[in-house]
């Protein structure tokens, strides 16, 4: 199956794989995971480190326990997988919305 092989090649050739996991699998844990990933991505960008989410490996329900054991060896809930690596390509600044335009009092 070509998509699975392509995903496997991406994972196997990644300079660094990372997984954010939580002890629970509720909405708050998922939100906190997103916040942590955002911080990691922003710091990585300032260090000229490329970051790419690999959410497809966590979309297959049967693989989640295997991914969790591979990374942590514990009974945690994998929330976000990604790869990291130094890049020669400069990242342009991306547009940001003003907080007031999306959050109202």
N, C-alpha and C. Protein backbone atom coordinates (compact mmCIF):
# COMPACT_ATOMS: atom_id res chain seq x y z
N UNK A 1 0.85 -1.18 0.00
CA UNK A 1 0.00 0.00 0.00
C UNK A 1 0.89 1.24 0.00
N UNK A 2 0.81 2.05 -1.05
CA UNK A 2 1.74 3.16 -1.24
C UNK A 2 1.68 4.23 -0.15
N UNK A 3 0.48 4.69 0.30
CA UNK A 3 0.48 5.72 1.35
C UNK A 3 1.14 5.25 2.64
N UNK A 4 0.93 4.00 3.01
CA UNK A 4 1.55 3.47 4.23
C UNK A 4 3.06 3.43 4.08
N UNK A 5 3.56 3.01 2.92
CA UNK A 5 5.00 2.97 2.69
C UNK A 5 5.59 4.38 2.73
N UNK A 6 4.89 5.34 2.13
CA UNK A 6 5.37 6.72 2.15
C UNK A 6 5.45 7.24 3.58
N UNK A 7 4.43 6.97 4.39
CA UNK A 7 4.45 7.39 5.79
C UNK A 7 5.58 6.71 6.54
N UNK A 8 5.78 5.43 6.29
CA UNK A 8 6.85 4.70 6.96
C UNK A 8 8.21 5.28 6.59
N UNK A 9 8.40 5.62 5.33
CA UNK A 9 9.67 6.22 4.89
C UNK A 9 9.91 7.56 5.59
N UNK A 10 8.87 8.37 5.71
CA UNK A 10 8.99 9.66 6.40
C UNK A 10 9.43 9.45 7.84
N UNK A 11 8.79 8.52 8.51
CA UNK A 11 9.11 8.25 9.92
C UNK A 11 10.52 7.68 10.05
N UNK A 12 10.86 6.71 9.22
CA UNK A 12 12.16 6.05 9.32
C UNK A 12 13.33 6.97 8.96
N UNK A 13 13.09 7.97 8.13
CA UNK A 13 14.16 8.87 7.71
C UNK A 13 14.17 10.20 8.47
N UNK A 14 13.34 10.34 9.46
CA UNK A 14 13.29 11.58 10.23
C UNK A 14 14.53 11.69 11.12
N UNK A 15 15.15 12.87 11.17
CA UNK A 15 16.29 13.05 12.07
C UNK A 15 15.91 12.84 13.54
N UNK A 16 14.70 13.29 13.89
CA UNK A 16 14.23 13.16 15.27
C UNK A 16 12.72 13.00 15.25
N UNK A 17 12.22 12.01 15.95
CA UNK A 17 10.78 11.83 16.12
C UNK A 17 10.42 12.20 17.55
N UNK A 18 9.26 12.80 17.71
CA UNK A 18 8.80 13.17 19.05
C UNK A 18 7.33 12.84 19.18
N UNK A 19 6.92 12.60 20.41
CA UNK A 19 5.52 12.30 20.69
C UNK A 19 5.12 13.02 21.97
N UNK A 20 4.02 13.73 21.90
CA UNK A 20 3.44 14.31 23.11
C UNK A 20 2.31 13.39 23.54
N UNK A 21 2.35 12.96 24.79
CA UNK A 21 1.30 12.08 25.30
C UNK A 21 0.82 12.62 26.64
N UNK A 22 -0.35 12.17 27.03
CA UNK A 22 -0.97 12.63 28.27
C UNK A 22 -1.47 11.44 29.08
N UNK A 23 -1.61 11.60 30.40
CA UNK A 23 -2.11 10.49 31.21
C UNK A 23 -3.61 10.24 31.03
N UNK A 24 -4.33 11.24 30.51
CA UNK A 24 -5.76 11.09 30.23
C UNK A 24 -6.02 11.47 28.78
N UNK A 25 -7.20 11.11 28.29
CA UNK A 25 -7.54 11.43 26.91
C UNK A 25 -8.83 12.23 26.86
N UNK A 26 -8.84 13.34 27.58
CA UNK A 26 -10.03 14.19 27.56
C UNK A 26 -9.73 15.47 26.78
N UNK A 27 -10.75 16.27 26.59
CA UNK A 27 -10.63 17.49 25.78
C UNK A 27 -9.58 18.43 26.35
N UNK A 28 -9.51 18.59 27.67
CA UNK A 28 -8.53 19.49 28.28
C UNK A 28 -7.10 19.01 28.00
N UNK A 29 -6.87 17.72 28.08
CA UNK A 29 -5.54 17.17 27.77
C UNK A 29 -5.19 17.43 26.31
N UNK A 30 -6.15 17.31 25.43
CA UNK A 30 -5.91 17.56 24.01
C UNK A 30 -5.59 19.03 23.76
N UNK A 31 -6.30 19.93 24.43
CA UNK A 31 -6.03 21.37 24.28
C UNK A 31 -4.64 21.70 24.80
N UNK A 32 -4.29 21.18 25.97
CA UNK A 32 -2.95 21.44 26.53
C UNK A 32 -1.86 20.90 25.62
N UNK A 33 -2.11 19.74 25.02
CA UNK A 33 -1.13 19.19 24.07
C UNK A 33 -0.92 20.14 22.90
N UNK A 34 -1.99 20.69 22.38
CA UNK A 34 -1.89 21.65 21.29
C UNK A 34 -1.11 22.89 21.69
N UNK A 35 -1.31 23.35 22.92
CA UNK A 35 -0.58 24.52 23.40
C UNK A 35 0.91 24.21 23.53
N UNK A 36 1.24 23.04 24.03
CA UNK A 36 2.65 22.65 24.16
C UNK A 36 3.28 22.52 22.78
N UNK A 37 2.57 21.89 21.85
CA UNK A 37 3.11 21.75 20.49
C UNK A 37 3.36 23.12 19.87
N UNK A 38 2.44 24.05 20.08
CA UNK A 38 2.61 25.39 19.53
C UNK A 38 3.89 26.04 20.07
N UNK A 39 4.13 25.90 21.36
CA UNK A 39 5.36 26.47 21.95
C UNK A 39 6.61 25.82 21.36
N UNK A 40 6.57 24.50 21.24
CA UNK A 40 7.71 23.78 20.66
C UNK A 40 7.95 24.25 19.22
N UNK A 41 6.89 24.38 18.45
CA UNK A 41 7.02 24.80 17.05
C UNK A 41 7.59 26.21 16.94
N UNK A 42 7.15 27.11 17.80
CA UNK A 42 7.66 28.48 17.76
C UNK A 42 9.14 28.53 18.13
N UNK A 43 9.52 27.80 19.16
CA UNK A 43 10.94 27.76 19.56
C UNK A 43 11.78 27.12 18.47
N UNK A 44 11.29 26.02 17.91
CA UNK A 44 12.03 25.33 16.84
C UNK A 44 12.26 26.27 15.66
N UNK A 45 11.26 27.03 15.30
CA UNK A 45 11.38 27.96 14.17
C UNK A 45 12.46 29.00 14.43
N UNK A 46 12.54 29.51 15.66
CA UNK A 46 13.57 30.52 15.96
C UNK A 46 14.97 29.92 15.91
N UNK A 47 15.08 28.60 16.06
CA UNK A 47 16.37 27.91 16.03
C UNK A 47 16.68 27.32 14.65
N UNK A 48 15.86 27.67 13.65
CA UNK A 48 16.02 27.16 12.29
C UNK A 48 15.86 25.63 12.22
N UNK A 49 14.95 25.15 13.06
CA UNK A 49 14.62 23.72 13.08
C UNK A 49 13.24 23.56 12.45
N UNK A 50 13.17 22.72 11.43
CA UNK A 50 11.88 22.45 10.80
C UNK A 50 11.09 21.47 11.64
N UNK A 51 9.79 21.63 11.63
CA UNK A 51 8.91 20.75 12.41
C UNK A 51 7.73 20.36 11.53
N UNK A 52 7.38 19.08 11.55
CA UNK A 52 6.28 18.60 10.73
C UNK A 52 5.41 17.65 11.55
N UNK A 53 4.14 18.01 11.76
CA UNK A 53 3.24 17.10 12.45
C UNK A 53 3.07 15.81 11.64
N UNK A 54 2.94 14.70 12.35
CA UNK A 54 2.71 13.39 11.72
C UNK A 54 1.42 12.80 12.27
N UNK A 55 0.35 13.54 12.16
CA UNK A 55 -0.90 13.12 12.76
C UNK A 55 -1.48 11.85 12.15
N UNK A 56 -1.09 11.54 10.91
CA UNK A 56 -1.66 10.36 10.27
C UNK A 56 -1.32 9.07 11.01
N UNK A 57 -0.17 9.01 11.69
CA UNK A 57 0.17 7.76 12.38
C UNK A 57 -0.69 7.54 13.62
N UNK A 58 -1.36 8.60 14.08
CA UNK A 58 -2.25 8.45 15.23
C UNK A 58 -3.71 8.36 14.83
N UNK A 59 -4.00 8.42 13.54
CA UNK A 59 -5.38 8.35 13.07
C UNK A 59 -5.90 6.91 13.03
N UNK A 60 -5.01 5.95 13.00
CA UNK A 60 -5.41 4.54 12.99
C UNK A 60 -5.51 4.08 14.44
N UNK A 61 -6.74 3.86 14.89
CA UNK A 61 -7.00 3.54 16.29
C UNK A 61 -6.16 2.37 16.79
N UNK A 62 -6.00 1.35 15.96
CA UNK A 62 -5.26 0.16 16.38
C UNK A 62 -3.78 0.45 16.60
N UNK A 63 -3.25 1.51 15.98
CA UNK A 63 -1.83 1.81 16.12
C UNK A 63 -1.49 2.63 17.36
N UNK A 64 -2.48 3.32 17.92
CA UNK A 64 -2.19 4.21 19.06
C UNK A 64 -1.49 3.50 20.21
N UNK A 65 -1.96 2.34 20.66
CA UNK A 65 -1.25 1.66 21.76
C UNK A 65 0.19 1.28 21.38
N UNK A 66 0.40 0.88 20.14
CA UNK A 66 1.75 0.52 19.69
C UNK A 66 2.66 1.74 19.66
N UNK A 67 2.13 2.85 19.19
CA UNK A 67 2.91 4.09 19.15
C UNK A 67 3.26 4.52 20.57
N UNK A 68 2.30 4.43 21.46
CA UNK A 68 2.53 4.81 22.85
C UNK A 68 3.64 3.97 23.48
N UNK A 69 3.61 2.66 23.27
CA UNK A 69 4.64 1.79 23.82
C UNK A 69 6.00 2.05 23.18
N UNK A 70 6.01 2.34 21.90
CA UNK A 70 7.25 2.62 21.19
C UNK A 70 7.97 3.83 21.78
N UNK A 71 7.21 4.87 22.10
CA UNK A 71 7.81 6.10 22.58
C UNK A 71 7.97 6.15 24.09
N UNK A 72 7.01 5.64 24.84
CA UNK A 72 7.02 5.85 26.28
C UNK A 72 7.16 4.58 27.09
N UNK A 73 6.71 3.46 26.55
CA UNK A 73 6.73 2.22 27.31
C UNK A 73 5.70 2.20 28.42
N UNK A 74 4.86 3.22 28.49
CA UNK A 74 3.86 3.31 29.56
C UNK A 74 2.46 3.39 28.94
N UNK A 75 1.48 3.26 29.79
CA UNK A 75 0.09 3.33 29.32
C UNK A 75 -0.37 4.79 29.28
N UNK A 76 0.16 5.54 28.36
CA UNK A 76 -0.23 6.94 28.18
C UNK A 76 -1.02 7.06 26.89
N UNK A 77 -1.65 8.21 26.70
CA UNK A 77 -2.42 8.46 25.49
C UNK A 77 -1.61 9.32 24.54
N UNK A 78 -1.17 8.77 23.41
CA UNK A 78 -0.44 9.59 22.43
C UNK A 78 -1.38 10.62 21.83
N UNK A 79 -0.94 11.87 21.82
CA UNK A 79 -1.78 12.95 21.32
C UNK A 79 -1.24 13.59 20.04
N UNK A 80 0.08 13.74 19.95
CA UNK A 80 0.66 14.49 18.83
C UNK A 80 2.04 13.93 18.51
N UNK A 81 2.21 13.45 17.29
CA UNK A 81 3.52 12.98 16.83
C UNK A 81 4.05 13.99 15.82
N UNK A 82 5.36 14.18 15.83
CA UNK A 82 5.96 15.11 14.87
C UNK A 82 7.42 14.78 14.69
N UNK A 83 7.99 15.29 13.60
CA UNK A 83 9.41 15.10 13.35
C UNK A 83 10.07 16.47 13.32
N UNK A 84 11.35 16.47 13.66
CA UNK A 84 12.14 17.70 13.73
C UNK A 84 13.45 17.50 13.00
N UNK A 85 13.98 18.58 12.46
CA UNK A 85 15.29 18.53 11.82
C UNK A 85 15.73 19.91 11.40
N UNK A 86 17.03 20.13 11.39
CA UNK A 86 17.55 21.43 10.95
C UNK A 86 17.23 21.63 9.48
N UNK A 87 16.99 22.87 9.12
CA UNK A 87 16.65 23.20 7.75
C UNK A 87 17.49 24.37 7.25
N UNK A 88 17.77 24.36 5.96
CA UNK A 88 18.49 25.47 5.34
C UNK A 88 17.53 26.52 4.80
N UNK A 89 16.26 26.20 4.78
CA UNK A 89 15.25 27.10 4.22
C UNK A 89 14.77 28.06 5.30
N UNK A 90 14.93 29.35 5.05
CA UNK A 90 14.45 30.36 6.00
C UNK A 90 12.92 30.37 5.99
N UNK A 91 12.34 30.44 7.17
CA UNK A 91 10.89 30.48 7.29
C UNK A 91 10.40 31.91 7.28
N UNK A 92 9.45 32.20 6.42
CA UNK A 92 8.83 33.52 6.41
C UNK A 92 7.85 33.62 7.56
N UNK A 93 7.66 34.83 8.04
CA UNK A 93 6.67 35.06 9.09
C UNK A 93 5.28 34.77 8.52
N UNK A 94 4.43 34.18 9.34
CA UNK A 94 3.07 33.89 8.90
C UNK A 94 2.12 34.91 9.50
N UNK A 95 1.02 35.12 8.82
CA UNK A 95 0.04 36.10 9.29
C UNK A 95 -0.59 35.64 10.60
N UNK A 96 -0.83 36.58 11.47
CA UNK A 96 -1.49 36.30 12.75
C UNK A 96 -2.71 37.19 12.88
N UNK A 97 -3.78 36.63 13.38
CA UNK A 97 -4.97 37.43 13.67
C UNK A 97 -4.79 38.10 15.02
N UNK A 98 -5.38 39.26 15.16
CA UNK A 98 -5.40 39.93 16.46
C UNK A 98 -6.34 39.14 17.38
N UNK A 99 -5.97 39.00 18.63
CA UNK A 99 -6.77 38.25 19.59
C UNK A 99 -8.21 38.78 19.62
N UNK A 100 -8.35 40.09 19.57
CA UNK A 100 -9.67 40.71 19.66
C UNK A 100 -10.58 40.31 18.49
N UNK A 101 -9.99 39.89 17.39
CA UNK A 101 -10.81 39.52 16.23
C UNK A 101 -11.42 38.12 16.36
N UNK A 102 -10.91 37.32 17.28
CA UNK A 102 -11.44 35.96 17.44
C UNK A 102 -11.97 35.67 18.84
N UNK A 103 -11.60 36.48 19.83
CA UNK A 103 -12.06 36.28 21.20
C UNK A 103 -12.81 37.53 21.63
N UNK A 104 -14.03 37.34 22.07
CA UNK A 104 -14.81 38.49 22.53
C UNK A 104 -15.02 38.39 24.04
N UNK A 105 -15.10 39.55 24.69
CA UNK A 105 -15.29 39.53 26.16
C UNK A 105 -16.64 38.98 26.57
